[in-house]
Amino acid sequence: MKYQVAIIGGGPAGYTAAEAAGKVGLSVVLFEKQSLGGVCLNEGCIPTKTLLYSAKTYDGARHAAKYAVSVPEVSF
């Protein structure tokens, strides 16, 4: 098979480039040895932000009584 564009790496730049090339009608092949999305999406930035938000929500629920809110059971 022949492709007009070959992209090495399926991180944020790679999959964005592949999508952009495909949208203008180019045939694209993308090589990624691990999961699409790269470290930021799968291990770094996004999972860390999700965990941080969950921890803040948990802490807010634990201290809800001081705001006259009853939360019977909170688990994490």
PDB file of N, CA and C in Angstrom:
ATOM      1  N   MET A   1       0.827  -1.183   0.000  1.00  0.00           N
ATOM      2  CA  MET A   1       0.000   0.000   0.000  1.00  0.00           C
ATOM      3  C   MET A   1       0.870   1.245   0.000  1.00  0.00           C
ATOM      4  N   LYS A   2       0.414   2.262  -0.679  1.00  0.00           N
ATOM      5  CA  LYS A   2       1.124   3.534  -0.703  1.00  0.00           C
ATOM      6  C   LYS A   2       0.274   4.591  -0.010  1.00  0.00           C
ATOM      7  N   TYR A   3       0.960   5.454   0.725  1.00  0.00           N
ATOM      8  CA  TYR A   3       0.299   6.539   1.441  1.00  0.00           C
ATOM      9  C   TYR A   3       0.957   7.850   1.062  1.00  0.00           C
ATOM     10  N   GLN A   4       0.193   8.917   1.121  1.00  0.00           N
ATOM     11  CA  GLN A   4       0.738  10.235   0.830  1.00  0.00           C
ATOM     12  C   GLN A   4       1.447  10.834   2.043  1.00  0.00           C
ATOM     13  N   VAL A   5       1.012  10.432   3.228  1.00  0.00           N
ATOM     14  CA  VAL A   5       1.595  10.963   4.463  1.00  0.00           C
ATOM     15  C   VAL A   5       1.860   9.805   5.413  1.00  0.00           C
ATOM     16  N   ALA A   6       3.063   9.768   5.978  1.00  0.00           N
ATOM     17  CA  ALA A   6       3.403   8.791   7.014  1.00  0.00           C
ATOM     18  C   ALA A   6       3.775   9.568   8.271  1.00  0.00           C
ATOM     19  N   ILE A   7       3.144   9.211   9.368  1.00  0.00           N
ATOM     20  CA  ILE A   7       3.393   9.899  10.636  1.00  0.00           C
ATOM     21  C   ILE A   7       3.926   8.890  11.634  1.00  0.00           C
ATOM     22  N   ILE A   8       5.023   9.242  12.272  1.00  0.00           N
ATOM     23  CA  ILE A   8       5.614   8.381  13.295  1.00  0.00           C
ATOM     24  C   ILE A   8       5.297   8.994  14.652  1.00  0.00           C
ATOM     25  N   GLY A   9       4.531   8.280  15.434  1.00  0.00           N
ATOM     26  CA  GLY A   9       4.161   8.734  16.770  1.00  0.00           C
ATOM     27  C   GLY A   9       2.714   9.169  16.841  1.00  0.00           C
ATOM     28  N   GLY A  10       1.977   8.530  17.728  1.00  0.00           N
ATOM     29  CA  GLY A  10       0.553   8.823  17.878  1.00  0.00           C
ATOM     30  C   GLY A  10       0.239   9.654  19.092  1.00  0.00           C
ATOM     31  N   GLY A  11       1.177  10.530  19.474  1.00  0.00           N
ATOM     32  CA  GLY A  11       0.913  11.458  20.570  1.00  0.00           C
ATOM     33  C   GLY A  11       0.011  12.583  20.089  1.00  0.00           C
ATOM     34  N   PRO A  12      -0.174  13.616  20.908  1.00  0.00           N
ATOM     35  CA  PRO A  12      -1.070  14.710  20.541  1.00  0.00           C
ATOM     36  C   PRO A  12      -0.761  15.330  19.175  1.00  0.00           C
ATOM     37  N   ALA A  13       0.499  15.529  18.851  1.00  0.00           N
ATOM     38  CA  ALA A  13       0.844  16.114  17.550  1.00  0.00           C
ATOM     39  C   ALA A  13       0.604  15.120  16.421  1.00  0.00           C
ATOM     40  N   GLY A  14       0.958  13.858  16.647  1.00  0.00           N
ATOM     41  CA  GLY A  14       0.818  12.845  15.606  1.00  0.00           C
ATOM     42  C   GLY A  14      -0.619  12.582  15.208  1.00  0.00           C
ATOM     43  N   TYR A  15      -1.491  12.345  16.192  1.00  0.00           N
ATOM     44  CA  TYR A  15      -2.870  12.046  15.810  1.00  0.00           C
ATOM     45  C   TYR A  15      -3.591  13.282  15.287  1.00  0.00           C
ATOM     46  N   THR A  16      -3.191  14.472  15.736  1.00  0.00           N
ATOM     47  CA  THR A  16      -3.779  15.702  15.198  1.00  0.00           C
ATOM     48  C   THR A  16      -3.357  15.896  13.743  1.00  0.00           C
ATOM     49  N   ALA A  17      -2.096  15.628  13.446  1.00  0.00           N
ATOM     50  CA  ALA A  17      -1.602  15.741  12.069  1.00  0.00           C
ATOM     51  C   ALA A  17      -2.284  14.723  11.164  1.00  0.00           C
ATOM     52  N   ALA A  18      -2.453  13.504  11.658  1.00  0.00           N
ATOM     53  CA  ALA A  18      -3.116  12.461  10.864  1.00  0.00           C
ATOM     54  C   ALA A  18      -4.558  12.848  10.558  1.00  0.00           C
ATOM     55  N   GLU A  19      -5.239  13.373  11.550  1.00  0.00           N
ATOM     56  CA  GLU A  19      -6.628  13.794  11.349  1.00  0.00           C
ATOM     57  C   GLU A  19      -6.710  14.940  10.345  1.00  0.00           C
ATOM     58  N   ALA A  20      -5.828  15.916  10.476  1.00  0.00           N
ATOM     59  CA  ALA A  20      -5.827  17.060   9.562  1.00  0.00           C
ATOM     60  C   ALA A  20      -5.540  16.622   8.129  1.00  0.00           C
ATOM     61  N   ALA A  21      -4.576  15.736   7.957  1.00  0.00           N
ATOM     62  CA  ALA A  21      -4.246  15.250   6.615  1.00  0.00           C
ATOM     63  C   ALA A  21      -5.412  14.465   6.020  1.00  0.00           C
ATOM     64  N   GLY A  22      -6.051  13.649   6.834  1.00  0.00           N
ATOM     65  CA  GLY A  22      -7.202  12.886   6.359  1.00  0.00           C
ATOM     66  C   GLY A  22      -8.363  13.776   5.955  1.00  0.00           C
ATOM     67  N   LYS A  23      -8.569  14.858   6.691  1.00  0.00           N
ATOM     68  CA  LYS A  23      -9.682  15.772   6.393  1.00  0.00           C
ATOM     69  C   LYS A  23      -9.523  16.476   5.050  1.00  0.00           C
ATOM     70  N   VAL A  24      -8.286  16.635   4.595  1.00  0.00           N
ATOM     71  CA  VAL A  24      -8.083  17.270   3.289  1.00  0.00           C
ATOM     72  C   VAL A  24      -7.916  16.239   2.178  1.00  0.00           C
ATOM     73  N   GLY A  25      -8.216  14.984   2.493  1.00  0.00           N
ATOM     74  CA  GLY A  25      -8.243  13.953   1.471  1.00  0.00           C
ATOM     75  C   GLY A  25      -6.961  13.181   1.243  1.00  0.00           C
ATOM     76  N   LEU A  26      -5.959  13.384   2.060  1.00  0.00           N
ATOM     77  CA  LEU A  26      -4.714  12.641   1.894  1.00  0.00           C
ATOM     78  C   LEU A  26      -4.834  11.260   2.524  1.00  0.00           C
ATOM     79  N   SER A  27      -4.156  10.287   1.930  1.00  0.00           N
ATOM     80  CA  SER A  27      -4.114   8.952   2.539  1.00  0.00           C
ATOM     81  C   SER A  27      -2.985   8.949   3.564  1.00  0.00           C
ATOM     82  N   VAL A  28      -3.289   8.445   4.758  1.00  0.00           N
ATOM     83  CA  VAL A  28      -2.379   8.584   5.896  1.00  0.00           C
ATOM     84  C   VAL A  28      -2.131   7.238   6.553  1.00  0.00           C
ATOM     85  N   VAL A  29      -0.886   7.019   6.962  1.00  0.00           N
ATOM     86  CA  VAL A  29      -0.556   5.890   7.829  1.00  0.00           C
ATOM     87  C   VAL A  29       0.139   6.478   9.053  1.00  0.00           C
ATOM     88  N   LEU A  30      -0.236   5.976  10.227  1.00  0.00           N
ATOM     89  CA  LEU A  30       0.341   6.461  11.479  1.00  0.00           C
ATOM     90  C   LEU A  30       0.938   5.275  12.214  1.00  0.00           C
ATOM     91  N   PHE A  31       2.179   5.407  12.629  1.00  0.00           N
ATOM     92  CA  PHE A  31       2.864   4.342  13.363  1.00  0.00           C
ATOM     93  C   PHE A  31       2.968   4.732  14.836  1.00  0.00           C
ATOM     94  N   GLU A  32       2.526   3.853  15.712  1.00  0.00           N
ATOM     95  CA  GLU A  32       2.625   4.081  17.157  1.00  0.00           C
ATOM     96  C   GLU A  32       2.908   2.751  17.822  1.00  0.00           C
ATOM     97  N   LYS A  33       3.972   2.674  18.614  1.00  0.00           N
ATOM     98  CA  LYS A  33       4.331   1.401  19.235  1.00  0.00           C
ATOM     99  C   LYS A  33       3.540   1.115  20.501  1.00  0.00           C
ATOM    100  N   GLN A  34       2.922   2.136  21.086  1.00  0.00           N
ATOM    101  CA  GLN A  34       2.126   1.917  22.294  1.00  0.00           C
ATOM    102  C   GLN A  34       0.699   2.386  22.050  1.00  0.00           C
ATOM    103  N   SER A  35       0.101   3.042  23.010  1.00  0.00           N
ATOM    104  CA  SER A  35      -1.284   3.508  22.886  1.00  0.00           C
ATOM    105  C   SER A  35      -1.346   4.869  22.206  1.00  0.00           C
ATOM    106  N   LEU A  36      -2.363   5.063  21.367  1.00  0.00           N
ATOM    107  CA  LEU A  36      -2.579   6.375  20.775  1.00  0.00           C
ATOM    108  C   LEU A  36      -2.826   7.386  21.878  1.00  0.00           C
ATOM    109  N   GLY A  37      -2.341   8.568  21.690  1.00  0.00           N
ATOM    110  CA  GLY A  37      -2.541   9.623  22.670  1.00  0.00           C
ATOM    111  C   GLY A  37      -1.280  10.026  23.393  1.00  0.00           C
ATOM    112  N   GLY A  38      -0.306   9.139  23.430  1.00  0.00           N
ATOM    113  CA  GLY A  38       0.963   9.457  24.070  1.00  0.00           C
ATOM    114  C   GLY A  38       0.895   9.504  25.587  1.00  0.00           C
ATOM    115  N   VAL A  39       1.981   9.933  26.175  1.00  0.00           N
ATOM    116  CA  VAL A  39       2.115   9.971  27.634  1.00  0.00           C
ATOM    117  C   VAL A  39       1.104  10.929  28.260  1.00  0.00           C
ATOM    118  N   CYS A  40       0.934  12.103  27.678  1.00  0.00           N
ATOM    119  CA  CYS A  40       0.045  13.105  28.275  1.00  0.00           C
ATOM    120  C   CYS A  40      -1.371  12.560  28.431  1.00  0.00           C
ATOM    121  N   LEU A  41      -1.900  11.968  27.403  1.00  0.00           N
ATOM    122  CA  LEU A  41      -3.272  11.472  27.442  1.00  0.00           C
ATOM    123  C   LEU A  41      -3.425  10.223  28.294  1.00  0.00           C
ATOM    124  N   ASN A  42      -2.476   9.314  28.232  1.00  0.00           N
ATOM    125  CA  ASN A  42      -2.637   8.009  28.873  1.00  0.00           C
ATOM    126  C   ASN A  42      -2.009   7.879  30.255  1.00  0.00           C
ATOM    127  N   GLU A  43      -0.995   8.654  30.553  1.00  0.00           N
ATOM    128  CA  GLU A  43      -0.288   8.487  31.825  1.00  0.00           C
ATOM    129  C   GLU A  43      -0.033   9.790  32.564  1.00  0.00           C
ATOM    130  N   GLY A  44       0.017  10.885  31.866  1.00  0.00           N
ATOM    131  CA  GLY A  44       0.470  12.130  32.481  1.00  0.00           C
ATOM    132  C   GLY A  44      -0.624  13.122  32.792  1.00  0.00           C
ATOM    133  N   CYS A  45      -0.704  14.145  31.986  1.00  0.00           N
ATOM    134  CA  CYS A  45      -1.536  15.317  32.255  1.00  0.00           C
ATOM    135  C   CYS A  45      -2.995  14.998  32.554  1.00  0.00           C
ATOM    136  N   ILE A  46      -3.662  14.323  31.655  1.00  0.00           N
ATOM    137  CA  ILE A  46      -5.102  14.110  31.796  1.00  0.00           C
ATOM    138  C   ILE A  46      -5.433  13.170  32.952  1.00  0.00           C
ATOM    139  N   PRO A  47      -4.796  11.996  33.089  1.00  0.00           N
ATOM    140  CA  PRO A  47      -5.106  11.159  34.254  1.00  0.00           C
ATOM    141  C   PRO A  47      -4.792  11.851  35.580  1.00  0.00           C
ATOM    142  N   THR A  48      -3.723  12.632  35.620  1.00  0.00           N
ATOM    143  CA  THR A  48      -3.366  13.351  36.842  1.00  0.00           C
ATOM    144  C   THR A  48      -4.433  14.374  37.198  1.00  0.00           C
ATOM    145  N   LYS A  49      -4.919  15.109  36.211  1.00  0.00           N
ATOM    146  CA  LYS A  49      -5.964  16.103  36.460  1.00  0.00           C
ATOM    147  C   LYS A  49      -7.261  15.438  36.896  1.00  0.00           C
ATOM    148  N   THR A  50      -7.580  14.283  36.336  1.00  0.00           N
ATOM    149  CA  THR A  50      -8.779  13.548  36.738  1.00  0.00           C
ATOM    150  C   THR A  50      -8.672  13.101  38.186  1.00  0.00           C
ATOM    151  N   LEU A  51      -7.532  12.568  38.570  1.00  0.00           N
ATOM    152  CA  LEU A  51      -7.323  12.131  39.947  1.00  0.00           C
ATOM    153  C   LEU A  51      -7.389  13.315  40.909  1.00  0.00           C
ATOM    154  N   LEU A  52      -6.791  14.432  40.550  1.00  0.00           N
ATOM    155  CA  LEU A  52      -6.823  15.623  41.392  1.00  0.00           C
ATOM    156  C   LEU A  52      -8.257  16.119  41.582  1.00  0.00           C
ATOM    157  N   TYR A  53      -9.040  16.157  40.508  1.00  0.00           N
ATOM    158  CA  TYR A  53     -10.436  16.588  40.604  1.00  0.00           C
ATOM    159  C   TYR A  53     -11.226  15.638  41.502  1.00  0.00           C
ATOM    160  N   SER A  54     -11.001  14.336  41.359  1.00  0.00           N
ATOM    161  CA  SER A  54     -11.681  13.348  42.206  1.00  0.00           C
ATOM    162  C   SER A  54     -11.334  13.559  43.675  1.00  0.00           C
ATOM    163  N   ALA A  55     -10.071  13.815  43.966  1.00  0.00           N
ATOM    164  CA  ALA A  55      -9.641  14.041  45.350  1.00  0.00           C
ATOM    165  C   ALA A  55     -10.275  15.303  45.927  1.00  0.00           C
ATOM    166  N   LYS A  56     -10.352  16.368  45.139  1.00  0.00           N
ATOM    167  CA  LYS A  56     -10.981  17.608  45.606  1.00  0.00           C
ATOM    168  C   LYS A  56     -12.471  17.402  45.855  1.00  0.00           C
ATOM    169  N   THR A  57     -13.135  16.654  44.983  1.00  0.00           N
ATOM    170  CA  THR A  57     -14.557  16.366  45.158  1.00  0.00           C
ATOM    171  C   THR A  57     -14.783  15.537  46.410  1.00  0.00           C
ATOM    172  N   TYR A  58     -13.945  14.542  46.620  1.00  0.00           N
ATOM    173  CA  TYR A  58     -14.015  13.701  47.816  1.00  0.00           C
ATOM    174  C   TYR A  58     -13.847  14.549  49.079  1.00  0.00           C
ATOM    175  N   ASP A  59     -12.855  15.419  49.080  1.00  0.00           N
ATOM    176  CA  ASP A  59     -12.608  16.268  50.241  1.00  0.00           C
ATOM    177  C   ASP A  59     -13.795  17.204  50.496  1.00  0.00           C
ATOM    178  N   GLY A  60     -14.359  17.751  49.435  1.00  0.00           N
ATOM    179  CA  GLY A  60     -15.536  18.611  49.581  1.00  0.00           C
ATOM    180  C   GLY A  60     -16.718  17.870  50.187  1.00  0.00           C
ATOM    181  N   ALA A  61     -16.927  16.633  49.765  1.00  0.00           N
ATOM    182  CA  ALA A  61     -18.021  15.823  50.314  1.00  0.00           C
ATOM    183  C   ALA A  61     -17.773  15.497  51.785  1.00  0.00           C
ATOM    184  N   ARG A  62     -16.532  15.228  52.142  1.00  0.00           N
ATOM    185  CA  ARG A  62     -16.199  14.916  53.538  1.00  0.00           C
ATOM    186  C   ARG A  62     -16.473  16.099  54.460  1.00  0.00           C
ATOM    187  N   HIS A  63     -16.311  17.309  53.952  1.00  0.00           N
ATOM    188  CA  HIS A  63     -16.502  18.511  54.766  1.00  0.00           C
ATOM    189  C   HIS A  63     -17.804  19.241  54.435  1.00  0.00           C
ATOM    190  N   ALA A  64     -18.744  18.555  53.829  1.00  0.00           N
ATOM    191  CA  ALA A  64     -19.996  19.180  53.396  1.00  0.00           C
ATOM    192  C   ALA A  64     -20.853  19.662  54.556  1.00  0.00           C
ATOM    193  N   ALA A  65     -20.753  19.017  55.712  1.00  0.00           N
ATOM    194  CA  ALA A  65     -21.604  19.376  56.856  1.00  0.00           C
ATOM    195  C   ALA A  65     -21.425  20.836  57.271  1.00  0.00           C
ATOM    196  N   LYS A  66     -20.224  21.375  57.131  1.00  0.00           N
ATOM    197  CA  LYS A  66     -20.028  22.772  57.529  1.00  0.00           C
ATOM    198  C   LYS A  66     -20.757  23.742  56.603  1.00  0.00           C
ATOM    199  N   TYR A  67     -21.289  23.223  55.486  1.00  0.00           N
ATOM    200  CA  TYR A  67     -22.093  24.031  54.567  1.00  0.00           C
ATOM    201  C   TYR A  67     -23.556  23.584  54.584  1.00  0.00           C
ATOM    202  N   ALA A  68     -23.939  22.862  55.635  1.00  0.00           N
ATOM    203  CA  ALA A  68     -25.311  22.370  55.835  1.00  0.00           C
ATOM    204  C   ALA A  68     -25.742  21.376  54.754  1.00  0.00           C
ATOM    205  N   VAL A  69     -24.788  20.614  54.256  1.00  0.00           N
ATOM    206  CA  VAL A  69     -25.079  19.570  53.274  1.00  0.00           C
ATOM    207  C   VAL A  69     -24.764  18.230  53.913  1.00  0.00           C
ATOM    208  N   SER A  70     -25.716  17.312  53.806  1.00  0.00           N
ATOM    209  CA  SER A  70     -25.532  15.990  54.396  1.00  0.00           C
ATOM    210  C   SER A  70     -25.124  14.987  53.317  1.00  0.00           C
ATOM    211  N   VAL A  71     -23.992  14.372  53.511  1.00  0.00           N
ATOM    212  CA  VAL A  71     -23.514  13.325  52.616  1.00  0.00           C
ATOM    213  C   VAL A  71     -23.301  12.092  53.486  1.00  0.00           C
ATOM    214  N   PRO A  72     -24.225  11.106  53.415  1.00  0.00           N
ATOM    215  CA  PRO A  72     -24.182   9.977  54.340  1.00  0.00           C
ATOM    216  C   PRO A  72     -22.897   9.150  54.297  1.00  0.00           C
ATOM    217  N   GLU A  73     -22.405   8.843  53.118  1.00  0.00           N
ATOM    218  CA  GLU A  73     -21.212   7.996  53.025  1.00  0.00           C
ATOM    219  C   GLU A  73     -20.378   8.436  51.833  1.00  0.00           C
ATOM    220  N   VAL A  74     -19.110   8.632  52.071  1.00  0.00           N
ATOM    221  CA  VAL A  74     -18.199   9.037  50.999  1.00  0.00           C
ATOM    222  C   VAL A  74     -17.064   8.030  50.956  1.00  0.00           C
ATOM    223  N   SER A  75     -16.785   7.517  49.771  1.00  0.00           N
ATOM    224  CA  SER A  75     -15.655   6.597  49.628  1.00  0.00           C
ATOM    225  C   SER A  75     -14.851   6.998  48.403  1.00  0.00           C
ATOM    226  N   PHE A  76     -13.604   6.583  48.406  1.00  0.00           N
ATOM    227  CA  PHE A  76     -12.717   6.937  47.296  1.00  0.00           C
ATOM    228  C   PHE A  76     -11.960   5.710  46.894  1.00  0.00           C
TER     229      PHE A  76
END
